[in-house]
Amino acid sequence: MSSSPADRSRPVLPRAVRRLLPARAVIGFTVLLVALFALSYAAGAVAGPVAPGLHPAGGARTGDSEPADDGDMGGMHGMGGGMR
C-alpha cells in the first residue's frame, strides 16, 4: 500500500527558507524579551521620575552651563592638581 500524494503533509516553508530562520526557541526567547522590555518601559512611564525633587549638591541650577561648584572634595589634603 502506498500513500497517495494527498496524504503526505507538505512543509509550509521550503527547506532553504527554513535553514535561514533561527530556531523556534530563539524566536520565542526574543519575543519574550521584547515583551518584558515593553512591560518595564510601561511601568517606568506610569511610575514617573524616581526622584523629582533631586537637585545638584551645589543648589538649584541657574541655567548657566558651568558646574555648581569647582569639584573640590574638601578634606582630601595633598591630592591637589598643582603638583606635576
C-alpha atoms as a PDB file:
ATOM      1  CA  MET A   1       0.000   0.000   0.000  1.00  0.00           C
ATOM      2  CA  SER A   2       1.419   3.286  -0.994  1.00  0.00           C
ATOM      3  CA  SER A   3       0.142   6.553   0.292  1.00  0.00           C
ATOM      4  CA  SER A   4      -1.343   8.989  -2.124  1.00  0.00           C
ATOM      5  CA  PRO A   5       0.167  12.461  -2.618  1.00  0.00           C
ATOM      6  CA  ALA A   6      -2.839  13.978  -0.866  1.00  0.00           C
ATOM      7  CA  ASP A   7      -1.993  12.090   2.340  1.00  0.00           C
ATOM      8  CA  ARG A   8       1.541  13.437   2.600  1.00  0.00           C
ATOM      9  CA  SER A   9       1.905  16.566   4.601  1.00  0.00           C
ATOM     10  CA  ARG A  10       3.717  19.234   2.701  1.00  0.00           C
ATOM     11  CA  PRO A  11       6.097  21.556   4.583  1.00  0.00           C
ATOM     12  CA  VAL A  12       4.770  25.075   4.952  1.00  0.00           C
ATOM     13  CA  LEU A  13       8.126  26.671   4.149  1.00  0.00           C
ATOM     14  CA  PRO A  14      10.675  25.457   1.623  1.00  0.00           C
ATOM     15  CA  ARG A  15      13.803  23.866   3.044  1.00  0.00           C
ATOM     16  CA  ALA A  16      16.075  26.780   2.016  1.00  0.00           C
ATOM     17  CA  VAL A  17      13.901  29.282   3.897  1.00  0.00           C
ATOM     18  CA  ARG A  18      13.768  27.072   6.987  1.00  0.00           C
ATOM     19  CA  ARG A  19      17.573  26.975   7.110  1.00  0.00           C
ATOM     20  CA  LEU A  20      17.788  30.776   7.194  1.00  0.00           C
ATOM     21  CA  LEU A  21      15.318  31.193  10.052  1.00  0.00           C
ATOM     22  CA  PRO A  22      16.525  30.830  13.648  1.00  0.00           C
ATOM     23  CA  ALA A  23      15.263  28.033  15.852  1.00  0.00           C
ATOM     24  CA  ARG A  24      11.811  28.328  17.416  1.00  0.00           C
ATOM     25  CA  ALA A  25      13.354  28.621  20.878  1.00  0.00           C
ATOM     26  CA  VAL A  26      15.407  31.650  19.782  1.00  0.00           C
ATOM     27  CA  ILE A  27      12.345  33.309  18.279  1.00  0.00           C
ATOM     28  CA  GLY A  28      10.325  32.597  21.428  1.00  0.00           C
ATOM     29  CA  PHE A  29      13.068  33.967  23.671  1.00  0.00           C
ATOM     30  CA  THR A  30      13.315  37.124  21.568  1.00  0.00           C
ATOM     31  CA  VAL A  31       9.551  37.656  21.719  1.00  0.00           C
ATOM     32  CA  LEU A  32       9.613  37.155  25.493  1.00  0.00           C
ATOM     33  CA  LEU A  33      12.500  39.600  25.859  1.00  0.00           C
ATOM     34  CA  VAL A  34      10.717  42.261  23.789  1.00  0.00           C
ATOM     35  CA  ALA A  35       7.544  41.785  25.847  1.00  0.00           C
ATOM     36  CA  LEU A  36       9.454  42.170  29.128  1.00  0.00           C
ATOM     37  CA  PHE A  37      11.187  45.335  27.921  1.00  0.00           C
ATOM     38  CA  ALA A  38       7.842  46.768  26.799  1.00  0.00           C
ATOM     39  CA  LEU A  39       6.276  45.987  30.188  1.00  0.00           C
ATOM     40  CA  SER A  40       9.189  47.502  32.103  1.00  0.00           C
ATOM     41  CA  TYR A  41       9.089  50.635  29.940  1.00  0.00           C
ATOM     42  CA  ALA A  42       5.344  50.974  30.525  1.00  0.00           C
ATOM     43  CA  ALA A  43       5.786  50.512  34.291  1.00  0.00           C
ATOM     44  CA  GLY A  44       8.508  53.168  34.325  1.00  0.00           C
ATOM     45  CA  ALA A  45       6.344  55.581  32.372  1.00  0.00           C
ATOM     46  CA  VAL A  46       3.473  55.067  34.823  1.00  0.00           C
ATOM     47  CA  ALA A  47       5.729  55.452  37.888  1.00  0.00           C
ATOM     48  CA  GLY A  48       7.242  58.710  36.632  1.00  0.00           C
ATOM     49  CA  PRO A  49      10.586  60.128  37.702  1.00  0.00           C
ATOM     50  CA  VAL A  50      12.305  58.357  40.586  1.00  0.00           C
ATOM     51  CA  ALA A  51      13.396  61.487  42.463  1.00  0.00           C
ATOM     52  CA  PRO A  52      11.540  64.522  41.098  1.00  0.00           C
ATOM     53  CA  GLY A  53      12.844  66.866  43.842  1.00  0.00           C
ATOM     54  CA  LEU A  54      16.502  65.912  43.431  1.00  0.00           C
ATOM     55  CA  HIS A  55      18.853  68.858  42.837  1.00  0.00           C
ATOM     56  CA  PRO A  56      22.637  69.095  42.382  1.00  0.00           C
ATOM     57  CA  ALA A  57      24.752  69.299  45.561  1.00  0.00           C
ATOM     58  CA  GLY A  58      25.636  72.960  44.952  1.00  0.00           C
ATOM     59  CA  GLY A  59      21.995  74.050  44.959  1.00  0.00           C
ATOM     60  CA  ALA A  60      19.494  74.651  42.215  1.00  0.00           C
ATOM     61  CA  ARG A  61      20.857  75.298  38.746  1.00  0.00           C
ATOM     62  CA  THR A  62      20.510  78.815  37.413  1.00  0.00           C
ATOM     63  CA  GLY A  63      20.554  77.824  33.764  1.00  0.00           C
ATOM     64  CA  ASP A  64      24.233  78.507  33.062  1.00  0.00           C
ATOM     65  CA  SER A  65      26.459  75.800  31.650  1.00  0.00           C
ATOM     66  CA  GLU A  66      29.084  75.971  34.426  1.00  0.00           C
ATOM     67  CA  PRO A  67      29.077  73.440  37.268  1.00  0.00           C
ATOM     68  CA  ALA A  68      27.548  74.472  40.590  1.00  0.00           C
ATOM     69  CA  ASP A  69      30.923  74.033  42.365  1.00  0.00           C
ATOM     70  CA  ASP A  70      34.584  73.542  41.474  1.00  0.00           C
ATOM     71  CA  GLY A  71      34.549  69.798  42.177  1.00  0.00           C
ATOM     72  CA  ASP A  72      36.738  70.055  45.277  1.00  0.00           C
ATOM     73  CA  MET A  73      36.240  67.157  47.691  1.00  0.00           C
ATOM     74  CA  GLY A  74      37.128  69.011  50.908  1.00  0.00           C
ATOM     75  CA  GLY A  75      39.327  67.101  53.342  1.00  0.00           C
ATOM     76  CA  MET A  76      41.449  65.444  50.645  1.00  0.00           C
ATOM     77  CA  HIS A  77      44.713  67.150  51.662  1.00  0.00           C
ATOM     78  CA  GLY A  78      47.696  66.556  49.420  1.00  0.00           C
ATOM     79  CA  MET A  79      45.585  65.461  46.456  1.00  0.00           C
ATOM     80  CA  GLY A  80      45.699  68.811  44.633  1.00  0.00           C
ATOM     81  CA  GLY A  81      46.352  69.066  40.925  1.00  0.00           C
ATOM     82  CA  GLY A  82      49.089  71.720  41.347  1.00  0.00           C
ATOM     83  CA  MET A  83      51.964  69.212  41.631  1.00  0.00           C
ATOM     84  CA  ARG A  84      53.278  67.887  38.338  1.00  0.00           C
END
